[in-house]
Amino acid sequence: MPRTPSPFEPLIDAVESAEALDGIGKAVGKKVRSLVKQPAKDALAGTWLGHALHPLLTDVVIGTFLSATLLDVVGGDEDGDAGAKLIGVGMAAYLPTALSGVSDWADTEPVDDGIRRAGLVHAWSNATALGLYALSLKARKSGNRGRARAFSLAGASALGAAGFLGGHLTFAKGVGPDQTVYDAGPDEWTEAAAELQEGKPTRVVVDETPVMLLREGGSLYALHDRCSHRGCSLADGELDGLEVVCACHGSRFDLRDGSVKQGPATAPQPAFETRERDGRIEIRRTG
């Protein structure tokens, strides 16, 4: 049965094909990557939390702004004081939310251009919502409830557009989720055909799962080769003691168990047990 297209697909197609956004997108992304360094990088990514920080913070901004709008629609806030407080909380939470989001977005390169373009429009929509809610707050303080409601409703519309694009980036484009979650690798001993050079990470494919194999100091190590952060090959990275450093964004993983030693990755790499039998290397998923 053919898939029924979403009514919003033309909007997504228009945004992702907007080549005019590439110049500013590349410039902003490069600037963000040059400014956001460790340990701020890990803090904004959510490495310490175990998953991306940005979605958690967006709940605060969206929740408080939309709550103010709901009070405007259904009533119960005759003097506008509750709505003003809600908007104030949302505005206070906006900056760390935007910083975490732009840091995640800047690390999506190298990617298809659609992510860069959609991310810019997502950020612009959120900034528009912020400005409209700020105008609503100003109108509330001056006692103009009509203007306050109008700006609030307009802000909610901009926020909805931003939320739609944010969902598209996360769930359709995979910005944020663990890139290995649906491909954990074999749970039974499986041959991993490879000729290994001492100290040189090698990429092999085992039952359709990419695996990085390494022979180092008489020991064998095996990790999922697709970096959990953005899917880059760990075999292209560098070794630093018992850690492998992703060549794309600098995430560090322990060779022994795949644990994250430095972000921006937030999820560990699936690690594999290894053994050699009759000159053949075999692996299986740990745990």
C-alpha atoms as a PDB file:
ATOM      1  CA  MET A   1       0.000   0.000   0.000  1.00  0.00           C
ATOM      2  CA  PRO A   2       1.486   3.384  -0.966  1.00  0.00           C
ATOM      3  CA  ARG A   3       2.323   5.739   1.873  1.00  0.00           C
ATOM      4  CA  THR A   4      -0.027   8.660   2.429  1.00  0.00           C
ATOM      5  CA  PRO A   5       2.148  11.781   2.293  1.00  0.00           C
ATOM      6  CA  SER A   6       2.085  14.201   5.188  1.00  0.00           C
ATOM      7  CA  PRO A   7       0.338  17.495   4.411  1.00  0.00           C
ATOM      8  CA  PHE A   8       3.468  19.229   5.697  1.00  0.00           C
ATOM      9  CA  GLU A   9       5.865  17.512   3.279  1.00  0.00           C
ATOM     10  CA  PRO A  10       5.825  20.475   0.841  1.00  0.00           C
ATOM     11  CA  LEU A  11       6.916  22.729   3.722  1.00  0.00           C
ATOM     12  CA  ILE A  12       9.757  20.382   4.681  1.00  0.00           C
ATOM     13  CA  ASP A  13      10.834  20.074   1.048  1.00  0.00           C
ATOM     14  CA  ALA A  14      10.857  23.854   0.661  1.00  0.00           C
ATOM     15  CA  VAL A  15      12.964  24.342   3.781  1.00  0.00           C
ATOM     16  CA  GLU A  16      15.446  21.584   2.976  1.00  0.00           C
ATOM     17  CA  SER A  17      15.935  22.799  -0.593  1.00  0.00           C
ATOM     18  CA  ALA A  18      16.549  26.444   0.382  1.00  0.00           C
ATOM     19  CA  GLU A  19      20.139  26.772  -0.829  1.00  0.00           C
ATOM     20  CA  ALA A  20      20.136  30.461   0.090  1.00  0.00           C
ATOM     21  CA  LEU A  21      20.505  29.388   3.732  1.00  0.00           C
ATOM     22  CA  ASP A  22      23.788  27.549   3.170  1.00  0.00           C
ATOM     23  CA  GLY A  23      26.113  30.530   3.429  1.00  0.00           C
ATOM     24  CA  ILE A  24      24.895  31.688   6.812  1.00  0.00           C
ATOM     25  CA  GLY A  25      24.466  28.097   7.984  1.00  0.00           C
ATOM     26  CA  LYS A  26      28.066  27.152   7.273  1.00  0.00           C
ATOM     27  CA  ALA A  27      29.374  30.370   8.800  1.00  0.00           C
ATOM     28  CA  VAL A  28      27.322  30.046  11.987  1.00  0.00           C
ATOM     29  CA  GLY A  29      28.157  26.357  12.379  1.00  0.00           C
ATOM     30  CA  LYS A  30      31.882  27.010  11.995  1.00  0.00           C
ATOM     31  CA  LYS A  31      31.752  29.864  14.505  1.00  0.00           C
ATOM     32  CA  VAL A  32      29.867  27.794  17.084  1.00  0.00           C
ATOM     33  CA  ARG A  33      32.342  24.907  16.770  1.00  0.00           C
ATOM     34  CA  SER A  34      35.244  27.304  17.264  1.00  0.00           C
ATOM     35  CA  LEU A  35      33.710  28.886  20.374  1.00  0.00           C
ATOM     36  CA  VAL A  36      32.150  25.940  22.231  1.00  0.00           C
ATOM     37  CA  LYS A  37      34.983  23.912  23.745  1.00  0.00           C
ATOM     38  CA  GLN A  38      35.275  21.388  26.542  1.00  0.00           C
ATOM     39  CA  PRO A  39      33.959  21.201  29.230  1.00  0.00           C
ATOM     40  CA  ALA A  40      31.121  23.448  28.002  1.00  0.00           C
ATOM     41  CA  LYS A  41      30.678  21.107  25.040  1.00  0.00           C
ATOM     42  CA  ASP A  42      29.842  18.121  27.242  1.00  0.00           C
ATOM     43  CA  ALA A  43      27.613  20.240  29.478  1.00  0.00           C
ATOM     44  CA  LEU A  44      25.518  21.485  26.553  1.00  0.00           C
ATOM     45  CA  ALA A  45      25.414  18.101  24.822  1.00  0.00           C
ATOM     46  CA  GLY A  46      24.154  16.271  27.913  1.00  0.00           C
ATOM     47  CA  THR A  47      27.076  13.830  28.193  1.00  0.00           C
ATOM     48  CA  TRP A  48      26.790  14.063  31.978  1.00  0.00           C
ATOM     49  CA  LEU A  49      23.050  13.327  31.735  1.00  0.00           C
ATOM     50  CA  GLY A  50      23.273  10.227  29.563  1.00  0.00           C
ATOM     51  CA  HIS A  51      21.138  11.635  26.750  1.00  0.00           C
ATOM     52  CA  ALA A  52      20.740  14.897  24.847  1.00  0.00           C
ATOM     53  CA  LEU A  53      20.071  17.916  27.096  1.00  0.00           C
ATOM     54  CA  HIS A  54      18.252  20.046  24.519  1.00  0.00           C
ATOM     55  CA  PRO A  55      14.912  18.140  24.464  1.00  0.00           C
ATOM     56  CA  LEU A  56      14.697  18.336  28.259  1.00  0.00           C
ATOM     57  CA  LEU A  57      15.152  22.101  28.252  1.00  0.00           C
ATOM     58  CA  THR A  58      12.661  22.663  25.445  1.00  0.00           C
ATOM     59  CA  ASP A  59       9.926  21.253  27.686  1.00  0.00           C
ATOM     60  CA  VAL A  60      10.426  24.198  30.049  1.00  0.00           C
ATOM     61  CA  VAL A  61      10.253  26.857  27.339  1.00  0.00           C
ATOM     62  CA  ILE A  62       7.349  25.298  25.448  1.00  0.00           C
ATOM     63  CA  GLY A  63       5.472  24.407  28.624  1.00  0.00           C
ATOM     64  CA  THR A  64       5.608  27.867  30.186  1.00  0.00           C
ATOM     65  CA  PHE A  65       4.917  29.822  26.980  1.00  0.00           C
ATOM     66  CA  LEU A  66       1.972  27.644  25.965  1.00  0.00           C
ATOM     67  CA  SER A  67       0.590  27.674  29.512  1.00  0.00           C
ATOM     68  CA  ALA A  68       0.459  31.467  29.337  1.00  0.00           C
ATOM     69  CA  THR A  69      -1.372  31.239  26.010  1.00  0.00           C
ATOM     70  CA  LEU A  70      -3.847  28.698  27.398  1.00  0.00           C
ATOM     71  CA  LEU A  71      -4.653  31.060  30.260  1.00  0.00           C
ATOM     72  CA  ASP A  72      -5.311  33.750  27.674  1.00  0.00           C
ATOM     73  CA  VAL A  73      -7.664  31.446  25.780  1.00  0.00           C
ATOM     74  CA  VAL A  74      -9.598  29.747  28.601  1.00  0.00           C
ATOM     75  CA  GLY A  75      -9.453  32.570  31.157  1.00  0.00           C
ATOM     76  CA  GLY A  76      -8.590  32.413  34.838  1.00  0.00           C
ATOM     77  CA  ASP A  77      -5.875  35.060  34.754  1.00  0.00           C
ATOM     78  CA  GLU A  78      -7.846  38.288  34.848  1.00  0.00           C
ATOM     79  CA  ASP A  79      -4.972  40.507  35.956  1.00  0.00           C
ATOM     80  CA  GLY A  80      -2.422  38.823  33.659  1.00  0.00           C
ATOM     81  CA  ASP A  81      -0.005  38.237  36.524  1.00  0.00           C
ATOM     82  CA  ALA A  82       0.177  34.430  36.173  1.00  0.00           C
ATOM     83  CA  GLY A  83       0.733  34.643  32.428  1.00  0.00           C
ATOM     84  CA  ALA A  84       3.453  37.236  32.934  1.00  0.00           C
ATOM     85  CA  LYS A  85       5.273  34.982  35.402  1.00  0.00           C
ATOM     86  CA  LEU A  86       5.032  32.016  33.039  1.00  0.00           C
ATOM     87  CA  ILE A  87       6.424  34.033  30.149  1.00  0.00           C
ATOM     88  CA  GLY A  88       9.229  35.282  32.389  1.00  0.00           C
ATOM     89  CA  VAL A  89      10.236  31.721  33.278  1.00  0.00           C
ATOM     90  CA  GLY A  90      10.165  30.715  29.602  1.00  0.00           C
ATOM     91  CA  MET A  91      12.338  33.653  28.626  1.00  0.00           C
ATOM     92  CA  ALA A  92      14.848  32.806  31.363  1.00  0.00           C
ATOM     93  CA  ALA A  93      15.036  29.197  30.137  1.00  0.00           C
ATOM     94  CA  TYR A  94      15.327  30.202  26.488  1.00  0.00           C
ATOM     95  CA  LEU A  95      19.063  31.028  26.441  1.00  0.00           C
ATOM     96  CA  PRO A  96      20.417  27.698  27.793  1.00  0.00           C
ATOM     97  CA  THR A  97      17.900  25.871  25.613  1.00  0.00           C
ATOM     98  CA  ALA A  98      19.037  27.716  22.499  1.00  0.00           C
ATOM     99  CA  LEU A  99      22.714  27.208  23.369  1.00  0.00           C
ATOM    100  CA  SER A 100      22.311  23.464  23.766  1.00  0.00           C
ATOM    101  CA  GLY A 101      20.351  23.256  20.536  1.00  0.00           C
ATOM    102  CA  VAL A 102      22.782  25.280  18.438  1.00  0.00           C
ATOM    103  CA  SER A 103      25.698  23.248  19.805  1.00  0.00           C
ATOM    104  CA  ASP A 104      23.980  20.002  18.763  1.00  0.00           C
ATOM    105  CA  TRP A 105      23.123  21.489  15.368  1.00  0.00           C
ATOM    106  CA  ALA A 106      26.690  22.669  14.716  1.00  0.00           C
ATOM    107  CA  ASP A 107      27.903  19.089  15.205  1.00  0.00           C
ATOM    108  CA  THR A 108      25.653  17.681  12.486  1.00  0.00           C
ATOM    109  CA  GLU A 109      28.306  18.365   9.847  1.00  0.00           C
ATOM    110  CA  PRO A 110      29.289  16.556   7.735  1.00  0.00           C
ATOM    111  CA  VAL A 111      25.645  15.920   6.935  1.00  0.00           C
ATOM    112  CA  ASP A 112      23.154  16.449   4.159  1.00  0.00           C
ATOM    113  CA  ASP A 113      22.365  20.105   3.599  1.00  0.00           C
ATOM    114  CA  GLY A 114      18.736  19.587   4.627  1.00  0.00           C
ATOM    115  CA  ILE A 115      19.649  19.342   8.312  1.00  0.00           C
ATOM    116  CA  ARG A 116      21.608  22.587   8.229  1.00  0.00           C
ATOM    117  CA  ARG A 117      18.767  24.426   6.519  1.00  0.00           C
ATOM    118  CA  ALA A 118      15.969  22.987   8.660  1.00  0.00           C
ATOM    119  CA  GLY A 119      17.970  23.743  11.796  1.00  0.00           C
ATOM    120  CA  LEU A 120      18.316  27.397  10.824  1.00  0.00           C
ATOM    121  CA  VAL A 121      14.588  27.784  10.195  1.00  0.00           C
ATOM    122  CA  HIS A 122      13.870  25.946  13.470  1.00  0.00           C
ATOM    123  CA  ALA A 123      16.084  28.429  15.344  1.00  0.00           C
ATOM    124  CA  TRP A 124      14.561  31.424  13.523  1.00  0.00           C
ATOM    125  CA  SER A 125      11.030  30.233  14.380  1.00  0.00           C
ATOM    126  CA  ASN A 126      11.968  29.879  18.041  1.00  0.00           C
ATOM    127  CA  ALA A 127      13.545  33.333  18.083  1.00  0.00           C
ATOM    128  CA  THR A 128      10.367  34.742  16.517  1.00  0.00           C
ATOM    129  CA  ALA A 129       8.290  33.067  19.222  1.00  0.00           C
ATOM    130  CA  LEU A 130      10.563  34.560  21.888  1.00  0.00           C
ATOM    131  CA  GLY A 131      10.116  38.052  20.450  1.00  0.00           C
ATOM    132  CA  LEU A 132       6.334  37.721  20.261  1.00  0.00           C
ATOM    133  CA  TYR A 133       6.061  36.475  23.834  1.00  0.00           C
ATOM    134  CA  ALA A 134       8.325  39.331  24.958  1.00  0.00           C
ATOM    135  CA  LEU A 135       5.896  41.762  23.295  1.00  0.00           C
ATOM    136  CA  SER A 136       3.026  39.958  25.021  1.00  0.00           C
ATOM    137  CA  LEU A 137       4.768  40.384  28.368  1.00  0.00           C
ATOM    138  CA  LYS A 138       5.260  44.093  27.704  1.00  0.00           C
ATOM    139  CA  ALA A 139       1.577  44.493  26.818  1.00  0.00           C
ATOM    140  CA  ARG A 140       0.542  42.694  30.011  1.00  0.00           C
ATOM    141  CA  LYS A 141       2.612  45.025  32.142  1.00  0.00           C
ATOM    142  CA  SER A 142       1.057  48.047  30.448  1.00  0.00           C
ATOM    143  CA  GLY A 143      -2.430  46.633  31.040  1.00  0.00           C
ATOM    144  CA  ASN A 144      -3.301  46.085  27.365  1.00  0.00           C
ATOM    145  CA  ARG A 145      -4.799  42.597  27.605  1.00  0.00           C
ATOM    146  CA  GLY A 146      -5.999  42.545  24.011  1.00  0.00           C
ATOM    147  CA  ARG A 147      -2.523  43.096  22.592  1.00  0.00           C
ATOM    148  CA  ALA A 148      -1.087  40.666  25.137  1.00  0.00           C
ATOM    149  CA  ARG A 149      -3.426  37.902  23.946  1.00  0.00           C
ATOM    150  CA  ALA A 150      -2.767  38.639  20.271  1.00  0.00           C
ATOM    151  CA  PHE A 151       1.007  38.478  20.686  1.00  0.00           C
ATOM    152  CA  SER A 152       0.657  35.370  22.834  1.00  0.00           C
ATOM    153  CA  LEU A 153      -1.382  33.544  20.175  1.00  0.00           C
ATOM    154  CA  ALA A 154       1.055  34.592  17.455  1.00  0.00           C
ATOM    155  CA  GLY A 155       3.947  33.385  19.602  1.00  0.00           C
ATOM    156  CA  ALA A 156       2.248  30.024  20.084  1.00  0.00           C
ATOM    157  CA  SER A 157       1.918  29.670  16.313  1.00  0.00           C
ATOM    158  CA  ALA A 158       5.629  30.356  15.794  1.00  0.00           C
ATOM    159  CA  LEU A 159       6.444  27.964  18.616  1.00  0.00           C
ATOM    160  CA  GLY A 160       4.346  25.271  16.958  1.00  0.00           C
ATOM    161  CA  ALA A 161       6.222  25.669  13.677  1.00  0.00           C
ATOM    162  CA  ALA A 162       9.538  25.469  15.511  1.00  0.00           C
ATOM    163  CA  GLY A 163       8.403  22.376  17.400  1.00  0.00           C
ATOM    164  CA  PHE A 164       7.358  20.670  14.171  1.00  0.00           C
ATOM    165  CA  LEU A 165      10.781  21.277  12.626  1.00  0.00           C
ATOM    166  CA  GLY A 166      12.495  20.184  15.848  1.00  0.00           C
ATOM    167  CA  GLY A 167      10.580  16.925  15.745  1.00  0.00           C
ATOM    168  CA  HIS A 168      11.535  16.467  12.098  1.00  0.00           C
ATOM    169  CA  LEU A 169      15.219  16.984  12.894  1.00  0.00           C
ATOM    170  CA  THR A 170      15.103  14.486  15.768  1.00  0.00           C
ATOM    171  CA  PHE A 171      12.826  11.754  14.521  1.00  0.00           C
ATOM    172  CA  ALA A 172      13.250  11.962  10.738  1.00  0.00           C
ATOM    173  CA  LYS A 173      16.863  13.158  10.519  1.00  0.00           C
ATOM    174  CA  GLY A 174      18.273  11.482  13.639  1.00  0.00           C
ATOM    175  CA  VAL A 175      19.827  14.532  15.305  1.00  0.00           C
ATOM    176  CA  GLY A 176      20.253  13.558  18.953  1.00  0.00           C
ATOM    177  CA  PRO A 177      19.318   9.850  19.259  1.00  0.00           C
ATOM    178  CA  ASP A 178      21.902   7.113  19.799  1.00  0.00           C
ATOM    179  CA  GLN A 179      23.004   6.083  16.303  1.00  0.00           C
ATOM    180  CA  THR A 180      23.556   2.447  17.364  1.00  0.00           C
ATOM    181  CA  VAL A 181      20.330   1.794  19.272  1.00  0.00           C
ATOM    182  CA  TYR A 182      18.683  -0.323  16.563  1.00  0.00           C
ATOM    183  CA  ASP A 183      21.834  -2.224  15.623  1.00  0.00           C
ATOM    184  CA  ALA A 184      23.347  -3.746  18.753  1.00  0.00           C
ATOM    185  CA  GLY A 185      25.243  -6.508  16.932  1.00  0.00           C
ATOM    186  CA  PRO A 186      25.319 -10.326  17.253  1.00  0.00           C
ATOM    187  CA  ASP A 187      24.580 -11.887  20.640  1.00  0.00           C
ATOM    188  CA  GLU A 188      26.104 -15.257  19.641  1.00  0.00           C
ATOM    189  CA  TRP A 189      29.733 -15.932  18.782  1.00  0.00           C
ATOM    190  CA  THR A 190      30.117 -14.832  15.152  1.00  0.00           C
ATOM    191  CA  GLU A 191      33.189 -14.802  12.942  1.00  0.00           C
ATOM    192  CA  ALA A 192      34.620 -11.384  12.157  1.00  0.00           C
ATOM    193  CA  ALA A 193      36.845 -11.911   9.140  1.00  0.00           C
ATOM    194  CA  ALA A 194      39.763  -9.519   9.271  1.00  0.00           C
ATOM    195  CA  GLU A 195      43.523  -9.269   8.971  1.00  0.00           C
ATOM    196  CA  LEU A 196      44.627  -7.037  11.817  1.00  0.00           C
ATOM    197  CA  GLN A 197      47.760  -4.963  12.084  1.00  0.00           C
ATOM    198  CA  GLU A 198      49.005  -4.304  15.594  1.00  0.00           C
ATOM    199  CA  GLY A 199      47.712  -0.948  16.854  1.00  0.00           C
ATOM    200  CA  LYS A 200      45.635  -0.195  13.747  1.00  0.00           C
ATOM    201  CA  PRO A 201      41.819   0.001  14.113  1.00  0.00           C
ATOM    202  CA  THR A 202      40.092  -1.977  11.351  1.00  0.00           C
ATOM    203  CA  ARG A 203      36.469  -1.770  10.228  1.00  0.00           C
ATOM    204  CA  VAL A 204      34.666  -5.024   9.460  1.00  0.00           C
ATOM    205  CA  VAL A 205      31.024  -5.901   8.968  1.00  0.00           C
ATOM    206  CA  VAL A 206      29.612  -8.716  11.102  1.00  0.00           C
ATOM    207  CA  ASP A 207      26.040  -9.794  10.323  1.00  0.00           C
ATOM    208  CA  GLU A 208      25.432  -6.331   8.814  1.00  0.00           C
ATOM    209  CA  THR A 209      26.794  -4.571  11.915  1.00  0.00           C
ATOM    210  CA  PRO A 210      29.894  -2.387  11.409  1.00  0.00           C
ATOM    211  CA  VAL A 211      32.523  -3.277  13.995  1.00  0.00           C
ATOM    212  CA  MET A 212      35.853  -1.682  14.841  1.00  0.00           C
ATOM    213  CA  LEU A 213      38.466  -4.351  15.664  1.00  0.00           C
ATOM    214  CA  LEU A 214      41.801  -3.588  17.260  1.00  0.00           C
ATOM    215  CA  ARG A 215      44.750  -5.728  18.296  1.00  0.00           C
ATOM    216  CA  GLU A 216      46.776  -3.834  20.853  1.00  0.00           C
ATOM    217  CA  GLY A 217      49.423  -5.132  23.239  1.00  0.00           C
ATOM    218  CA  GLY A 218      48.326  -8.742  22.911  1.00  0.00           C
ATOM    219  CA  SER A 219      44.666  -7.928  23.526  1.00  0.00           C
ATOM    220  CA  LEU A 220      41.708  -7.776  21.149  1.00  0.00           C
ATOM    221  CA  TYR A 221      39.095  -5.017  21.375  1.00  0.00           C
ATOM    222  CA  ALA A 222      35.822  -4.682  19.487  1.00  0.00           C
ATOM    223  CA  LEU A 223      33.358  -1.779  19.514  1.00  0.00           C
ATOM    224  CA  HIS A 224      30.443  -0.841  17.301  1.00  0.00           C
ATOM    225  CA  ASP A 225      32.105   1.168  14.561  1.00  0.00           C
ATOM    226  CA  ARG A 226      29.271   3.677  14.084  1.00  0.00           C
ATOM    227  CA  CYS A 227      29.812   6.501  16.602  1.00  0.00           C
ATOM    228  CA  SER A 228      26.718   6.837  18.781  1.00  0.00           C
ATOM    229  CA  HIS A 229      26.885  10.615  18.395  1.00  0.00           C
ATOM    230  CA  ARG A 230      26.569  11.173  14.638  1.00  0.00           C
ATOM    231  CA  GLY A 231      27.445   7.827  13.060  1.00  0.00           C
ATOM    232  CA  CYS A 232      31.028   8.454  11.949  1.00  0.00           C
ATOM    233  CA  SER A 233      33.406   5.485  11.696  1.00  0.00           C
ATOM    234  CA  LEU A 234      35.500   5.024  14.834  1.00  0.00           C
ATOM    235  CA  ALA A 235      38.054   3.063  12.800  1.00  0.00           C
ATOM    236  CA  ASP A 236      38.957   6.401  11.190  1.00  0.00           C
ATOM    237  CA  GLY A 237      39.690   7.889  14.605  1.00  0.00           C
ATOM    238  CA  GLU A 238      42.810   8.023  16.736  1.00  0.00           C
ATOM    239  CA  LEU A 239      43.943   5.893  19.670  1.00  0.00           C
ATOM    240  CA  ASP A 240      44.875   7.484  22.980  1.00  0.00           C
ATOM    241  CA  GLY A 241      45.858   4.774  25.416  1.00  0.00           C
ATOM    242  CA  LEU A 242      42.789   2.634  25.984  1.00  0.00           C
ATOM    243  CA  GLU A 243      40.496   5.162  24.338  1.00  0.00           C
ATOM    244  CA  VAL A 244      39.457   5.758  20.753  1.00  0.00           C
ATOM    245  CA  VAL A 245      38.762   9.348  19.665  1.00  0.00           C
ATOM    246  CA  CYS A 246      36.134   9.893  16.950  1.00  0.00           C
ATOM    247  CA  ALA A 247      37.600  11.782  14.001  1.00  0.00           C
ATOM    248  CA  CYS A 248      34.424  13.794  13.383  1.00  0.00           C
ATOM    249  CA  HIS A 249      33.614  15.524  16.684  1.00  0.00           C
ATOM    250  CA  GLY A 250      36.141  14.272  19.237  1.00  0.00           C
ATOM    251  CA  SER A 251      33.994  11.930  21.326  1.00  0.00           C
ATOM    252  CA  ARG A 252      36.087   9.474  23.347  1.00  0.00           C
ATOM    253  CA  PHE A 253      35.157   5.878  24.176  1.00  0.00           C
ATOM    254  CA  ASP A 254      36.835   3.289  26.383  1.00  0.00           C
ATOM    255  CA  LEU A 255      38.049   0.399  24.245  1.00  0.00           C
ATOM    256  CA  ARG A 256      37.259  -2.092  26.994  1.00  0.00           C
ATOM    257  CA  ASP A 257      33.565  -1.410  27.533  1.00  0.00           C
ATOM    258  CA  GLY A 258      32.552   1.390  25.156  1.00  0.00           C
ATOM    259  CA  SER A 259      31.805   3.868  27.947  1.00  0.00           C
ATOM    260  CA  VAL A 260      31.863   7.574  27.101  1.00  0.00           C
ATOM    261  CA  LYS A 261      34.970   9.311  28.373  1.00  0.00           C
ATOM    262  CA  GLN A 262      34.289  12.623  26.640  1.00  0.00           C
ATOM    263  CA  GLY A 263      31.415  13.984  24.592  1.00  0.00           C
ATOM    264  CA  PRO A 264      29.647  15.363  22.719  1.00  0.00           C
ATOM    265  CA  ALA A 265      28.446  11.737  22.574  1.00  0.00           C
ATOM    266  CA  THR A 266      25.910  10.961  25.295  1.00  0.00           C
ATOM    267  CA  ALA A 267      25.461   7.196  24.737  1.00  0.00           C
ATOM    268  CA  PRO A 268      28.149   4.501  25.054  1.00  0.00           C
ATOM    269  CA  GLN A 269      29.327   2.358  22.172  1.00  0.00           C
ATOM    270  CA  PRO A 270      28.090  -1.252  22.134  1.00  0.00           C
ATOM    271  CA  ALA A 271      31.106  -3.365  23.089  1.00  0.00           C
ATOM    272  CA  PHE A 272      31.797  -6.963  22.077  1.00  0.00           C
ATOM    273  CA  GLU A 273      33.564  -9.896  23.663  1.00  0.00           C
ATOM    274  CA  THR A 274      36.347 -11.301  21.484  1.00  0.00           C
ATOM    275  CA  ARG A 275      38.088 -14.643  21.108  1.00  0.00           C
ATOM    276  CA  GLU A 276      40.364 -16.376  18.620  1.00  0.00           C
ATOM    277  CA  ARG A 277      39.746 -19.979  17.566  1.00  0.00           C
ATOM    278  CA  ASP A 278      41.852 -21.756  14.980  1.00  0.00           C
ATOM    279  CA  GLY A 279      43.202 -18.445  13.774  1.00  0.00           C
ATOM    280  CA  ARG A 280      39.713 -16.927  13.407  1.00  0.00           C
ATOM    281  CA  ILE A 281      38.449 -13.910  15.332  1.00  0.00           C
ATOM    282  CA  GLU A 282      34.941 -14.193  16.755  1.00  0.00           C
ATOM    283  CA  ILE A 283      32.854 -11.621  18.595  1.00  0.00           C
ATOM    284  CA  ARG A 284      29.579 -11.416  20.457  1.00  0.00           C
ATOM    285  CA  ARG A 285      27.685  -8.637  22.184  1.00  0.00           C
ATOM    286  CA  THR A 286      28.448  -8.150  25.872  1.00  0.00           C
ATOM    287  CA  GLY A 287      25.702  -8.239  28.452  1.00  0.00           C
END
